[in-house]
Protein backbone atom coordinates (compact mmCIF):
# COMPACT_ATOMS: atom_id res chain seq x y z
CA UNK A 1 21.39 18.82 -8.99
CA UNK A 2 18.59 16.90 -10.72
CA UNK A 3 18.17 13.40 -9.30
CA UNK A 4 18.00 10.45 -11.63
CA UNK A 5 14.48 9.08 -11.98
CA UNK A 6 14.10 5.62 -10.48
CA UNK A 7 11.64 3.54 -12.47
CA UNK A 8 8.46 2.50 -10.70
CA UNK A 9 6.39 -0.61 -11.26
CA UNK A 10 3.34 1.55 -11.83
CA UNK A 11 4.99 3.19 -14.87
CA UNK A 12 4.07 0.35 -17.23
CA UNK A 13 0.55 0.26 -15.83
CA UNK A 14 0.16 4.00 -16.41
CA UNK A 15 1.29 3.60 -20.01
CA UNK A 16 -1.27 0.84 -20.64
CA UNK A 17 -4.05 2.81 -18.97
CA UNK A 18 -3.31 5.89 -21.07
CA UNK A 19 -3.77 3.75 -24.17
CA UNK A 20 -7.18 2.59 -22.94
CA UNK A 21 -8.75 5.58 -21.17
CA UNK A 22 -9.17 9.29 -21.74
CA UNK A 23 -7.82 10.12 -18.29
CA UNK A 24 -5.97 8.32 -15.51
CA UNK A 25 -6.07 9.28 -11.83
CA UNK A 26 -3.04 8.26 -9.76
CA UNK A 27 -3.91 8.15 -6.07
CA UNK A 28 -1.70 7.45 -3.07
CA UNK A 29 0.01 9.07 -0.09
CA UNK A 30 1.95 12.30 -0.27
CA UNK A 31 5.64 12.02 -1.14
CA UNK A 32 5.32 8.57 -2.73
CA UNK A 33 6.27 9.84 -6.21
CA UNK A 34 2.91 10.24 -8.01
CA UNK A 35 3.76 13.56 -9.63
CA UNK A 36 7.25 12.49 -10.67
CA UNK A 37 5.91 9.32 -12.30
CA UNK A 38 3.18 11.29 -14.04
CA UNK A 39 5.73 13.78 -15.35
CA UNK A 40 7.55 10.99 -17.20
CA UNK A 41 4.51 10.57 -19.49
CA UNK A 42 3.09 14.11 -19.49
CA UNK A 43 3.64 16.68 -22.26
CA UNK A 44 2.25 19.59 -20.24
CA UNK A 45 1.83 20.12 -16.50
CA UNK A 46 -0.53 22.08 -14.25
CA UNK A 47 0.48 22.17 -10.56
CA UNK A 48 -2.43 23.53 -8.53
CA UNK A 49 -0.25 23.84 -5.43
CA UNK A 50 2.19 26.28 -7.08
CA UNK A 51 2.20 29.11 -4.47
CA UNK A 52 2.70 31.82 -7.10
CA UNK A 53 -0.17 30.67 -9.29
CA UNK A 54 -2.53 28.66 -7.09
CA UNK A 55 -4.97 31.51 -6.37
CA UNK A 56 -5.28 32.28 -10.07
CA UNK A 57 -5.75 28.65 -10.97
CA UNK A 58 -8.51 28.20 -8.41
CA UNK A 59 -10.27 31.37 -9.55
CA UNK A 60 -10.15 30.10 -13.14
CA UNK A 61 -11.50 26.74 -12.01
CA UNK A 62 -14.49 28.44 -10.43
CA UNK A 63 -15.32 30.47 -13.54
CA UNK A 64 -14.19 28.48 -16.57
CA UNK A 65 -12.40 25.23 -15.63
CA UNK A 66 -11.94 24.18 -19.27
CA UNK A 67 -9.22 26.84 -19.61
CA UNK A 68 -7.02 24.87 -17.21
CA UNK A 69 -7.20 21.85 -19.51
CA UNK A 70 -5.53 23.64 -22.42
CA UNK A 71 -2.11 22.18 -23.11
CA UNK A 72 -0.32 19.36 -24.86
CA UNK A 73 -1.61 15.90 -24.01
CA UNK A 74 -1.23 13.94 -21.86
CA UNK A 75 -1.71 16.94 -19.57
CA UNK A 76 -0.76 16.34 -15.93
CA UNK A 77 -2.98 18.02 -13.34
CA UNK A 78 -1.28 17.70 -9.97
CA UNK A 79 -3.39 17.61 -6.76
CA UNK A 80 -6.58 18.04 -8.76
CA UNK A 81 -8.74 17.69 -5.63
CA UNK A 82 -7.93 21.32 -4.76
CA UNK A 83 -10.44 22.20 -7.52
CA UNK A 84 -13.01 19.36 -7.57
CA UNK A 85 -14.89 20.99 -10.47
CA UNK A 86 -12.01 19.88 -12.70
CA UNK A 87 -13.23 16.29 -12.44
CA UNK A 88 -16.42 16.99 -14.35
CA UNK A 89 -14.57 19.30 -16.75
CA UNK A 90 -12.14 16.47 -17.58
CA UNK A 91 -14.95 13.95 -17.94
CA UNK A 92 -16.74 16.28 -20.36
CA UNK A 93 -13.55 16.90 -22.31
CA UNK A 94 -12.93 13.17 -22.65
CA UNK A 95 -16.51 12.68 -23.89
CA UNK A 96 -16.27 15.52 -26.40
CA UNK A 97 -12.83 14.64 -27.78
CA UNK A 98 -13.35 10.88 -27.74
CA UNK A 99 -9.60 10.24 -27.44
CA UNK A 100 -7.39 8.23 -25.10
CA UNK A 101 -4.44 9.48 -23.07
CA UNK A 102 -5.59 13.07 -22.62
CA UNK A 103 -5.08 13.67 -18.91
CA UNK A 104 -3.14 12.39 -15.92
CA UNK A 105 -4.46 13.44 -12.52
CA UNK A 106 -2.70 12.98 -9.19
CA UNK A 107 -4.20 13.21 -5.72
CA UNK A 108 -2.95 12.65 -2.17
CA UNK A 109 -6.41 12.44 -0.65
CA UNK A 110 -9.70 10.82 -1.56
CA UNK A 111 -12.47 13.30 -2.20
CA UNK A 112 -16.06 13.48 -1.00
CA UNK A 113 -18.20 12.08 -3.85
CA UNK A 114 -20.78 14.81 -3.22
CA UNK A 115 -18.33 17.33 -4.69
CA UNK A 116 -18.47 15.73 -8.15
CA UNK A 117 -21.57 15.00 -10.21
CA UNK A 118 -20.32 11.88 -12.03
CA UNK A 119 -18.03 9.02 -11.06
CA UNK A 120 -16.12 9.16 -14.34
CA UNK A 121 -16.64 5.44 -14.98
CA UNK A 122 -15.36 4.51 -18.42
CA UNK A 123 -13.61 7.85 -18.84
CA UNK A 124 -11.28 8.20 -15.85
CA UNK A 125 -9.40 5.12 -14.63
CA UNK A 126 -7.78 4.89 -11.21
CA UNK A 127 -4.30 3.64 -10.36
CA UNK A 128 -3.10 3.19 -6.77
CA UNK A 129 0.52 4.11 -6.02
CA UNK A 130 2.45 3.09 -2.91
CA UNK A 131 5.77 4.18 -1.46
CA UNK A 132 8.68 2.39 -3.11
CA UNK A 133 9.08 -1.36 -2.72
CA UNK A 134 12.49 -2.80 -1.94
CA UNK A 135 12.89 -3.78 -5.59
CA UNK A 136 12.14 -0.23 -6.76
CA UNK A 137 14.67 1.17 -4.29
CA UNK A 138 17.24 -1.38 -5.57
CA UNK A 139 17.48 -3.13 -2.19
CA UNK A 140 15.85 -6.32 -3.45
CA UNK A 141 17.88 -7.90 -6.23
CA UNK A 142 14.69 -9.15 -7.89
CA UNK A 143 15.96 -12.68 -8.52
CA UNK A 144 12.48 -14.14 -7.84
CA UNK A 145 9.50 -12.91 -9.86
CA UNK A 146 6.02 -13.05 -8.35
CA UNK A 147 4.52 -13.26 -11.84
CA UNK A 148 6.72 -16.23 -12.72
CA UNK A 149 5.81 -17.98 -9.47
CA UNK A 150 2.18 -17.93 -10.58
CA UNK A 151 2.62 -18.55 -14.29
CA UNK A 152 5.54 -20.96 -14.63
CA UNK A 153 5.31 -24.26 -12.78
CA UNK A 154 8.87 -25.09 -13.85
CA UNK A 155 10.23 -21.84 -12.39
CA UNK A 156 13.30 -22.70 -10.32
CA UNK A 157 13.98 -20.43 -7.35
CA UNK A 158 16.39 -22.73 -5.52
CA UNK A 159 19.66 -21.15 -4.47
CA UNK A 160 18.76 -17.55 -5.28
CA UNK A 161 20.41 -15.51 -2.52
CA UNK A 162 19.30 -12.22 -0.98
CA UNK A 163 21.91 -9.47 -0.77
CA UNK A 164 20.02 -7.77 2.05
CA UNK A 165 21.35 -8.23 5.59
CA UNK A 166 19.04 -8.06 8.58
CA UNK A 167 20.61 -4.72 9.55
CA UNK A 168 19.94 -3.34 6.07
CA UNK A 169 16.39 -4.64 6.18
CA UNK A 170 15.67 -2.94 9.50
CA UNK A 171 17.11 0.32 8.20
CA UNK A 172 15.00 0.10 5.02
CA UNK A 173 11.85 -0.40 7.10
CA UNK A 174 12.69 2.59 9.29
CA UNK A 175 13.56 4.81 6.34
CA UNK A 176 10.52 3.77 4.34
CA UNK A 177 9.82 3.84 0.64
CA UNK A 178 9.88 7.63 0.25
CA UNK A 179 11.74 8.48 -2.99
CA UNK A 180 13.17 11.75 -1.62
CA UNK A 181 15.07 9.82 1.07
CA UNK A 182 17.05 7.73 -1.41
CA UNK A 183 19.06 10.61 -2.82
CA UNK A 184 20.35 11.69 0.58
CA UNK A 185 23.89 10.73 1.53
CA UNK A 186 23.56 10.69 5.31
CA UNK A 187 21.63 7.84 6.97
CA UNK A 188 20.34 10.07 9.76
CA UNK A 189 18.95 12.46 7.15
CA UNK A 190 17.20 9.58 5.38
CA UNK A 191 15.47 8.64 8.63
CA UNK A 192 14.17 12.19 9.06
CA UNK A 193 11.89 11.96 6.02
CA UNK A 194 9.33 9.67 7.66
CA UNK A 195 9.38 11.73 10.84
CA UNK A 196 8.75 14.90 8.82
CA UNK A 197 5.97 13.09 6.97
CA UNK A 198 4.24 12.22 10.24
CA UNK A 199 4.67 15.75 11.61
CA UNK A 200 3.17 17.20 8.43
CA UNK A 201 0.18 14.87 8.65
CA UNK A 202 -0.40 15.62 12.34
CA UNK A 203 0.05 19.37 12.25
CA UNK A 204 -1.72 20.14 8.99
CA UNK A 205 -3.06 17.55 6.57
CA UNK A 206 -5.29 15.61 8.96
CA UNK A 207 -7.29 18.81 9.55
CA UNK A 208 -7.30 20.22 6.02
CA UNK A 209 -8.40 16.95 4.39
CA UNK A 210 -11.97 17.42 5.64
CA UNK A 211 -11.86 21.01 6.92
CA UNK A 212 -12.32 19.89 10.54
CA UNK A 213 -9.73 21.00 13.07
CA UNK A 214 -8.09 18.14 14.96
CA UNK A 215 -5.97 18.13 18.10
CA UNK A 216 -2.40 17.29 16.99
CA UNK A 217 -1.59 15.67 20.31
CA UNK A 218 -4.59 13.34 20.04
CA UNK A 219 -3.67 12.44 16.46
CA UNK A 220 -0.13 11.64 17.61
CA UNK A 221 -1.40 9.34 20.38
CA UNK A 222 -3.78 7.66 17.92
CA UNK A 223 -0.95 6.94 15.48
CA UNK A 224 1.23 5.66 18.30
CA UNK A 225 -1.48 3.30 19.51
CA UNK A 226 -2.17 2.14 15.97
CA UNK A 227 1.54 1.44 15.57
CA UNK A 228 1.58 -0.59 18.79
CA UNK A 229 -1.19 -2.74 17.30
CA UNK A 230 0.22 -2.96 13.79
CA UNK A 231 -0.34 -6.25 11.93
CA UNK A 232 -2.89 -7.40 14.53
CA UNK A 233 -6.68 -7.74 14.59
CA UNK A 234 -6.97 -5.31 17.50
CA UNK A 235 -10.45 -3.91 17.90
CA UNK A 236 -11.14 -0.21 17.68
CA UNK A 237 -12.19 -0.35 21.33
CA UNK A 238 -8.76 -1.70 22.25
CA UNK A 239 -7.08 1.20 20.49
CA UNK A 240 -9.47 3.77 21.95
CA UNK A 241 -8.82 2.43 25.47
CA UNK A 242 -5.10 2.57 24.84
CA UNK A 243 -5.32 6.19 23.70
CA UNK A 244 -7.50 7.14 26.65
CA UNK A 245 -4.88 5.84 29.05
CA UNK A 246 -2.90 8.93 28.04
CA UNK A 247 -5.35 11.47 26.66
CA UNK A 248 -9.12 11.70 26.29
CA UNK A 249 -10.45 10.87 22.80
CA UNK A 250 -14.13 10.12 22.37
CA UNK A 251 -15.31 7.25 20.20
CA UNK A 252 -16.91 9.61 17.67
CA UNK A 253 -13.72 11.67 17.33
CA UNK A 254 -11.67 8.50 17.01
CA UNK A 255 -13.67 7.41 13.96
CA UNK A 256 -13.49 10.92 12.52
CA UNK A 257 -9.70 10.90 12.89
CA UNK A 258 -9.42 7.40 11.42
CA UNK A 259 -11.49 8.43 8.41
CA UNK A 260 -9.21 11.43 7.81
CA UNK A 261 -6.05 9.31 8.07
CA UNK A 262 -7.56 6.76 5.69
CA UNK A 263 -8.44 9.47 3.16
CA UNK A 264 -4.83 10.64 3.36
CA UNK A 265 -3.62 7.09 2.62
CA UNK A 266 -1.76 6.93 5.93
CA UNK A 267 -3.76 3.97 7.23
CA UNK A 268 -4.64 1.05 4.97
CA UNK A 269 -6.01 -1.91 6.88
CA UNK A 270 -5.94 -5.43 5.43
CA UNK A 271 -9.37 -7.08 5.11
CA UNK A 272 -10.09 -10.65 6.14
CA UNK A 273 -10.56 -13.42 3.56
CA UNK A 274 -13.72 -15.37 4.29
CA UNK A 275 -13.79 -18.54 2.18
CA UNK A 276 -16.88 -20.69 2.53
CA UNK A 277 -15.05 -23.46 4.38
CA UNK A 278 -17.33 -25.91 6.13
CA UNK A 279 -15.63 -26.11 9.47
CA UNK A 280 -16.32 -25.88 13.16
CA UNK A 281 -13.98 -22.91 13.20
CA UNK A 282 -15.62 -19.53 12.69
CA UNK A 283 -13.74 -17.15 10.43
CA UNK A 284 -12.76 -13.83 12.03
CA UNK A 285 -13.64 -10.82 9.91
CA UNK A 286 -11.86 -7.95 11.70
CA UNK A 287 -9.51 -5.93 9.54
CA UNK A 288 -5.80 -6.18 10.30
CA UNK A 289 -4.32 -2.83 11.33
CA UNK A 290 -1.72 -1.59 8.85
CA UNK A 291 -0.02 1.56 7.57
CA UNK A 292 0.68 2.37 3.93
CA UNK A 293 4.40 2.20 4.78
CA UNK A 294 6.25 0.58 7.73
CA UNK A 295 8.23 3.77 8.43
CA UNK A 296 5.03 5.45 9.62
CA UNK A 297 4.78 2.89 12.41
CA UNK A 298 8.46 3.34 13.28
CA UNK A 299 8.17 7.14 13.36
CA UNK A 300 4.92 7.00 15.36
CA UNK A 301 6.65 4.84 17.98
CA UNK A 302 9.66 7.17 17.95
CA UNK A 303 11.76 4.09 17.26
CA UNK A 304 14.97 3.65 15.27
CA UNK A 305 17.16 0.97 13.66
CA UNK A 306 19.24 0.69 16.84
CA UNK A 307 16.17 0.14 19.00
CA UNK A 308 14.66 -2.43 16.63
CA UNK A 309 17.93 -4.37 16.38
CA UNK A 310 17.39 -5.15 20.07
CA UNK A 311 13.64 -5.73 19.80
CA UNK A 312 12.93 -8.39 17.20
CA UNK A 313 9.45 -8.93 18.60
CA UNK A 314 8.40 -5.41 17.58
CA UNK A 315 10.31 -5.60 14.33
CA UNK A 316 8.41 -8.76 13.42
CA UNK A 317 5.24 -6.67 13.14
CA UNK A 318 7.06 -3.90 11.28
CA UNK A 319 8.44 -6.57 8.91
CA UNK A 320 4.91 -7.78 8.17
CA UNK A 321 3.88 -4.23 7.25
CA UNK A 322 6.92 -3.93 4.97
CA UNK A 323 6.15 -7.24 3.24
CA UNK A 324 2.50 -6.28 2.84
CA UNK A 325 3.50 -2.98 1.22
CA UNK A 326 5.86 -4.71 -1.20
CA UNK A 327 3.33 -7.40 -2.09
CA UNK A 328 0.75 -4.73 -2.89
CA UNK A 329 3.23 -2.99 -5.18
CA UNK A 330 4.24 -6.22 -6.95
CA UNK A 331 0.69 -7.53 -7.16
CA UNK A 332 -0.64 -4.28 -8.65
CA UNK A 333 0.85 -5.17 -12.05
CA UNK A 334 -0.99 -8.50 -11.86
CA UNK A 335 -4.26 -6.98 -10.70
CA UNK A 336 -3.77 -8.54 -7.27
CA UNK A 337 -5.51 -7.82 -3.97
CA UNK A 338 -4.24 -8.61 -0.46
CA UNK A 339 -6.23 -10.01 2.45
CA UNK A 340 -5.48 -12.35 5.37
CA UNK A 341 -7.00 -15.45 6.99
CA UNK A 342 -7.63 -16.20 10.66
CA UNK A 343 -10.18 -18.38 12.41
CA UNK A 344 -11.35 -18.34 16.01
CA UNK A 345 -9.01 -21.19 16.98
CA UNK A 346 -6.00 -19.13 16.01
CA UNK A 347 -5.12 -20.67 12.65
CA UNK A 348 -3.72 -17.75 10.69
CA UNK A 349 -2.21 -17.01 7.29
CA UNK A 350 -0.55 -13.59 7.20
CA UNK A 351 -1.56 -12.74 3.63
CA UNK A 352 -3.74 -14.05 0.82
CA UNK A 353 -2.90 -12.64 -2.60
CA UNK A 354 -5.82 -12.91 -5.04
CA UNK A 355 -5.39 -12.33 -8.77
CA UNK A 356 -8.14 -11.22 -11.14
CA UNK A 357 -8.36 -14.70 -12.68
CA UNK A 358 -9.21 -16.15 -9.23
CA UNK A 359 -5.85 -17.80 -8.68
CA UNK A 360 -4.42 -17.01 -5.28
CA UNK A 361 -1.43 -17.54 -3.01
CA UNK A 362 -1.32 -18.22 0.72
CA UNK A 363 1.62 -16.37 2.27
CA UNK A 364 3.33 -16.27 5.66
CA UNK A 365 5.92 -13.73 6.81
CA UNK A 366 8.72 -15.13 8.99
CA UNK A 367 11.83 -13.22 10.00
CA UNK A 368 13.93 -16.22 11.00
CA UNK A 369 14.46 -19.74 9.73
CA UNK A 370 13.30 -21.25 13.03
CA UNK A 371 9.74 -20.09 12.28
CA UNK A 372 9.54 -21.60 8.80
CA UNK A 373 8.18 -24.99 9.89
CA UNK A 374 5.43 -23.27 11.87
CA UNK A 375 4.53 -21.05 8.91
CA UNK A 376 4.44 -24.01 6.53
CA UNK A 377 2.16 -25.92 8.89
CA UNK A 378 -0.33 -23.01 8.85
CA UNK A 379 -0.39 -22.92 5.06
CA UNK A 380 -0.82 -26.67 4.72
CA UNK A 381 -3.55 -26.79 7.34
CA UNK A 382 -5.63 -24.22 5.42
CA UNK A 383 -5.17 -26.31 2.27
CA UNK A 384 -6.35 -29.37 4.21
CA UNK A 385 -9.44 -27.48 5.39
CA UNK A 386 -10.24 -26.43 1.82
CA UNK A 387 -9.91 -30.00 0.53
CA UNK A 388 -12.05 -31.31 3.37
CA UNK A 389 -14.70 -28.67 2.72
CA UNK A 390 -14.76 -29.48 -1.01
CA UNK A 391 -15.12 -33.18 -0.22
CA UNK A 392 -18.05 -32.56 2.11
CA UNK A 393 -19.78 -29.91 0.04
CA UNK A 394 -19.81 -30.80 -3.66
CA UNK A 395 -22.15 -27.91 -4.51
CA UNK A 396 -19.74 -25.22 -3.33
CA UNK A 397 -16.19 -25.85 -4.42
CA UNK A 398 -13.36 -23.61 -3.18
CA UNK A 399 -10.37 -23.29 -5.47
CA UNK A 400 -7.15 -24.55 -3.97
CA UNK A 401 -4.25 -22.09 -3.80
CA UNK A 402 -1.94 -21.85 -6.79
CA UNK A 403 1.00 -21.01 -4.57
CA UNK A 404 2.16 -21.51 -0.97
CA UNK A 405 4.91 -19.13 0.07
CA UNK A 406 6.85 -17.98 3.12
CA UNK A 407 8.61 -14.63 2.84
CA UNK A 408 11.67 -14.39 5.08
CA UNK A 409 13.93 -11.58 6.22
CA UNK A 410 17.18 -12.88 4.75
CA UNK A 411 18.90 -15.95 3.37
CA UNK A 412 18.31 -18.10 0.31
CA UNK A 413 15.25 -19.04 -1.73
CA UNK A 414 14.28 -22.71 -2.03
CA UNK A 415 11.33 -25.05 -2.40
CA UNK A 416 10.47 -27.42 0.45
CA UNK A 417 9.52 -31.05 -0.12
CA UNK A 418 5.91 -30.13 0.70
CA UNK A 419 5.89 -27.55 -2.12
CA UNK A 420 6.07 -24.44 0.06
CA UNK A 421 8.29 -21.74 -1.49
CA UNK A 422 10.73 -19.98 0.87
CA UNK A 423 11.66 -16.56 -0.50
CA UNK A 424 13.67 -13.75 1.15
CA UNK A 425 12.02 -10.35 0.73
CA UNK A 426 15.38 -9.16 -0.66
CA UNK A 427 14.93 -11.46 -3.69
CA UNK A 428 11.34 -10.63 -4.61
CA UNK A 429 10.01 -8.46 -7.44
CA UNK A 430 6.81 -8.17 -9.49
């Protein structure tokens, strides 16, 4: 039975990009729905991984790649990186035809730039796709819009209630945002998708992505250690030492494995935000360890909803990964980027969401209501530091945040007297 297509936030972006560029490349992890979303706009499709036709397609690509571009437009070319020569063929086609909306490419890995002769700038635009957010999977009711929070100062969020219980939230984090899991009836079957994803990465993809064979057991230990340090600024040395407590992995191999997992969009660390605040506190610039989807951490730890229901400390870190994923999905339509702030004295803001127009939000993630005061104090202290820095350094002004927000696990949305917005993740949308 054909499953009903669940709309994705990237769909509108893809439509706009096809109106502006000759070709659009959708990148992101396997199984996140790139091909299915591309199919909604495509009028012809070429799937390079088709086992019955793949050899013929690749042979054609080697000899006359332009033949593979013949078809109604937009033409979807799925997993184009299997034949890197297609990149330059598409770029040339776009130049020659001077039209928009000709091709949609999808890819589950980044490709070595040495395999293509031109970046495609101005011809081929890139769109990043993530696993499904809670709003896309219909688990967030979407009563609070991120766009409205930025654009409408009169926007009233007070009293908007999340329908998502803590138990449901934990299950959603363990299941992940993999579209194929949503159509399954059995909860245990839904939880198997992320485990199968990890097994597939470990046993196959992490080696094929760069053609270098990798020890599956070492990859598994690396992912497990990464998961133990999720949402922290753990150093690579810390993770290497943790791995080597169980199995030997050299520093050079560690970085090789990390590069492969990054190219596969399994790992996606969060960079540090380094505002030019004049302060005695030195800003820390280590990336925060993070996966593209929280279920990867859960599967790597061999955890489960039942285990996490009795371990809120661990789930707090998983929750941060989930919120980061959703914010990236929602912010993508606004051209947003996510970073974080932390100084050497321990003052931290879990996420900083920057828009293209330089407006930004300071955001904390707190599972329970008891932590809200602490989170608000962090946000307000960073604002104080910015104001103090601007007062003391008139030649280098730092914009103050447009929005202060705490994202919680459950409950009701409201605005505090100090202006901080409290918003359950089960209410948020783009």
